[in-house]
Protein backbone atom coordinates (compact mmCIF):
# COMPACT_ATOMS: atom_id res chain seq x y z
CA ALA A 1 -15.49 -19.98 21.94
CA SER A 2 -14.88 -23.45 20.61
CA VAL A 3 -13.73 -25.83 23.31
CA SER A 4 -12.22 -29.27 22.88
CA THR A 5 -11.89 -31.75 25.71
CA MET A 6 -10.53 -35.25 25.86
CA ASP A 7 -14.10 -36.38 26.72
CA ASN A 8 -15.59 -35.42 23.38
CA LEU A 9 -12.62 -36.44 21.26
CA PHE A 10 -11.80 -39.77 22.86
CA PRO A 11 -14.73 -41.40 24.65
CA THR A 12 -12.57 -43.97 26.43
CA GLU A 13 -10.75 -43.17 29.65
CA THR A 14 -7.24 -43.41 28.25
CA PHE A 15 -5.60 -42.42 25.02
CA ALA A 16 -2.23 -43.64 23.89
CA PRO A 17 -0.46 -43.66 20.53
CA SER A 18 -0.92 -46.83 18.55
CA SER A 19 1.69 -49.45 19.34
CA SER A 20 2.18 -49.81 15.59
CA ALA A 21 3.26 -46.16 15.30
CA ASN A 22 6.71 -45.78 13.81
CA LYS A 23 9.10 -44.12 16.28
CA ASP A 24 10.39 -41.88 13.45
CA ASP A 25 6.84 -40.55 12.96
CA THR A 26 6.94 -38.90 16.38
CA THR A 27 10.45 -37.47 16.02
CA ILE A 28 10.15 -33.71 16.42
CA THR A 29 12.21 -31.64 13.99
CA GLU A 30 13.15 -27.97 13.75
CA ASP A 31 11.36 -27.59 10.39
CA ASN A 32 9.24 -24.43 10.03
CA LYS A 33 10.40 -23.17 13.44
CA GLU A 34 9.85 -19.50 12.61
CA LYS A 35 6.40 -20.17 11.15
CA ARG A 36 5.40 -22.29 14.15
CA GLU A 37 6.56 -19.63 16.61
CA ALA A 38 4.69 -16.97 14.63
CA LEU A 39 1.53 -19.10 14.74
CA GLU A 40 1.80 -19.64 18.51
CA LYS A 41 2.32 -15.92 19.12
CA TRP A 42 -0.53 -15.01 16.74
CA ALA A 43 -2.96 -17.52 18.29
CA GLN A 44 -2.16 -16.61 21.89
CA GLY A 45 -2.37 -12.90 21.06
CA ARG A 46 -5.93 -13.44 19.77
CA GLY A 47 -7.20 -15.38 22.76
CA CYS A 48 -6.41 -18.99 21.86
CA LEU A 49 -5.46 -21.08 24.85
CA PHE A 50 -3.48 -24.33 24.65
CA PRO A 51 -1.38 -24.39 27.83
CA GLN A 52 -0.43 -28.07 27.65
CA LEU A 53 0.34 -28.11 23.91
CA LYS A 54 3.20 -26.97 21.72
CA ILE A 55 3.04 -26.68 17.95
CA VAL A 56 5.75 -28.91 16.49
CA ASP A 57 6.85 -30.55 13.24
CA PHE A 58 7.01 -34.32 13.14
CA LYS A 59 9.65 -35.90 10.90
CA HIS A 60 7.29 -37.73 8.51
CA MET A 61 3.90 -36.28 9.41
CA GLY A 62 4.19 -32.49 9.24
CA THR A 63 2.92 -29.90 11.70
CA GLY A 64 0.81 -30.87 14.68
CA ALA A 65 0.37 -30.45 18.42
CA TRP A 66 2.40 -32.17 21.11
CA SER A 67 2.09 -32.41 24.87
CA ASN A 68 4.96 -33.44 27.13
CA SER A 69 2.47 -34.58 29.77
CA ASP A 70 -0.69 -36.65 29.91
CA ILE A 71 -3.91 -34.74 29.32
CA GLN A 72 -6.49 -35.99 31.76
CA GLN A 73 -10.02 -36.88 30.72
CA GLY A 74 -12.30 -33.85 31.03
CA THR A 75 -9.45 -31.37 30.62
CA VAL A 76 -10.05 -28.46 28.25
CA PHE A 77 -6.86 -28.49 26.22
CA VAL A 78 -7.69 -26.09 23.36
CA THR A 79 -9.84 -22.96 23.37
CA VAL A 80 -10.33 -21.01 20.15
CA PRO A 81 -12.37 -17.78 20.11
CA TYR A 82 -15.31 -17.88 17.71
CA HIS A 83 -13.94 -15.02 15.58
CA LEU A 84 -10.93 -17.15 14.62
CA LEU A 85 -12.92 -20.15 13.40
CA ILE A 86 -12.83 -20.66 9.66
CA ASN A 87 -16.18 -21.79 8.31
CA HIS A 88 -18.81 -20.72 5.78
CA ASN A 89 -20.20 -18.06 8.16
CA THR A 90 -16.74 -16.53 8.47
CA ALA A 91 -16.35 -16.60 4.69
CA LEU A 92 -19.70 -14.96 4.04
CA SER A 93 -18.95 -12.15 6.48
CA THR A 94 -15.44 -11.42 5.14
CA PRO A 95 -14.61 -9.53 1.92
CA PRO A 96 -14.60 -10.39 -0.92
CA PHE A 97 -17.13 -13.15 -0.12
CA SER A 98 -19.37 -10.78 1.84
CA THR A 99 -19.82 -8.72 -1.34
CA ILE A 100 -20.88 -11.73 -3.46
CA LYS A 101 -23.13 -13.58 -0.96
CA ASP A 102 -26.02 -13.69 -3.42
CA ASP A 103 -23.84 -15.29 -6.10
CA LEU A 104 -22.88 -18.03 -3.65
CA LYS A 105 -26.45 -19.02 -2.76
CA GLY A 106 -27.04 -22.67 -3.50
CA LEU A 107 -23.37 -23.53 -3.13
CA ASP A 108 -22.67 -26.08 -0.39
CA ASN A 109 -21.27 -24.53 2.81
CA LEU A 110 -18.26 -26.83 2.68
CA TRP A 111 -17.32 -25.56 -0.80
CA ILE A 112 -17.72 -21.96 0.32
CA THR A 113 -15.28 -22.72 3.13
CA TYR A 114 -12.81 -24.42 0.75
CA LEU A 115 -12.89 -21.48 -1.63
CA PHE A 116 -12.47 -19.07 1.25
CA LEU A 117 -9.40 -20.97 2.45
CA ILE A 118 -7.87 -20.87 -1.02
CA GLN A 119 -8.55 -17.14 -1.31
CA GLN A 120 -7.17 -16.42 2.16
CA LYS A 121 -4.07 -18.59 1.65
CA ASN A 122 -3.23 -16.49 -1.40
CA ASP A 123 -3.71 -13.23 0.53
CA PRO A 124 -0.55 -12.32 2.49
CA THR A 125 -2.60 -9.79 4.52
CA SER A 126 -5.13 -12.42 5.65
CA GLN A 127 -5.78 -12.37 9.39
CA TRP A 128 -5.20 -16.16 9.31
CA ALA A 129 -1.84 -15.92 7.44
CA PRO A 130 0.26 -17.48 10.27
CA TYR A 131 -2.06 -20.51 10.37
CA LEU A 132 -2.42 -20.82 6.61
CA ALA A 133 1.37 -20.62 6.13
CA LEU A 134 1.68 -24.00 7.86
CA LEU A 135 -0.92 -25.81 5.76
CA PRO A 136 0.50 -28.35 3.31
CA HIS A 137 1.24 -27.21 -0.22
CA SER A 138 0.53 -30.61 -1.72
CA PHE A 139 -1.14 -33.88 -0.86
CA ASN A 140 -0.31 -37.46 -1.66
CA THR A 141 -3.83 -38.80 -1.54
CA PRO A 142 -5.59 -40.88 -4.20
CA LEU A 143 -7.56 -37.85 -5.39
CA TRP A 144 -4.31 -36.33 -6.69
CA TRP A 145 -2.63 -39.50 -7.98
CA SER A 146 -1.80 -39.88 -11.67
CA ARG A 147 -4.39 -41.46 -13.95
CA SER A 148 -2.37 -44.68 -14.23
CA ASP A 149 -1.96 -44.97 -10.44
CA LYS A 150 -5.69 -44.38 -9.97
CA SER A 151 -6.44 -47.11 -12.51
CA ASP A 152 -4.99 -49.60 -9.99
CA LEU A 153 -7.99 -48.75 -7.82
CA ALA A 154 -10.54 -49.61 -10.52
CA PHE A 155 -13.53 -51.59 -9.27
CA THR A 156 -13.01 -50.47 -5.66
CA ASN A 157 -15.15 -48.22 -3.48
CA LEU A 158 -12.24 -45.79 -3.24
CA PHE A 159 -12.13 -45.42 -7.03
CA ASP A 160 -15.85 -44.60 -7.10
CA SER A 161 -15.43 -42.09 -4.25
CA ILE A 162 -12.56 -40.37 -6.03
CA LYS A 163 -14.61 -40.15 -9.21
CA LYS A 164 -17.55 -38.54 -7.34
CA ILE A 165 -15.30 -36.04 -5.57
CA LYS A 166 -13.58 -35.09 -8.81
CA GLN A 167 -16.95 -34.55 -10.52
CA ALA A 168 -18.07 -32.35 -7.62
CA LEU A 169 -14.85 -30.32 -7.83
CA LYS A 170 -15.30 -29.83 -11.57
CA LYS A 171 -18.90 -28.69 -11.03
CA ILE A 172 -17.83 -26.21 -8.37
CA HIS A 173 -15.10 -24.88 -10.65
CA THR A 174 -17.57 -24.54 -13.54
CA ASP A 175 -20.18 -22.85 -11.31
CA ILE A 176 -17.71 -20.35 -9.91
CA MET A 177 -15.52 -19.77 -12.92
CA PRO A 178 -17.71 -20.11 -16.00
CA SER A 179 -15.79 -19.97 -19.28
């Protein structure tokens, strides 16, 4: 099982939200209530443990975890069984990826995982459907900005990073879906 503790996430003895956090950002809403309840039931029914946490929607930040009490240093606050982890090993042992393992050789493990997530998100029978249903449908990050908005970043490290990521995505697409 994968175990997370406050010790390995936050090396200091205390953790508190940033004082610059906007109060509206931590306002909990009723958005996606049915999906969140389905995810909690699904996760707990498959051996996930998160006794001090509740899955909630924050007004301006989307879905996340919330605790009504302090989590003490050293406390295990999330346990996820290995069979529920989503990674390249999971992808390569799950159809249809398990049937095309040889075709995926040489492809970076991270890209295999990304492709697996896309495939599983589009499969309503996926064992991870309750989790995937809560993932965002869009992003407002520089990678997805319009060409003119990205041009404002010209001559910055971020612009160069975006360019490299986009080239890598195009290569992956070409490798997997040749014309």
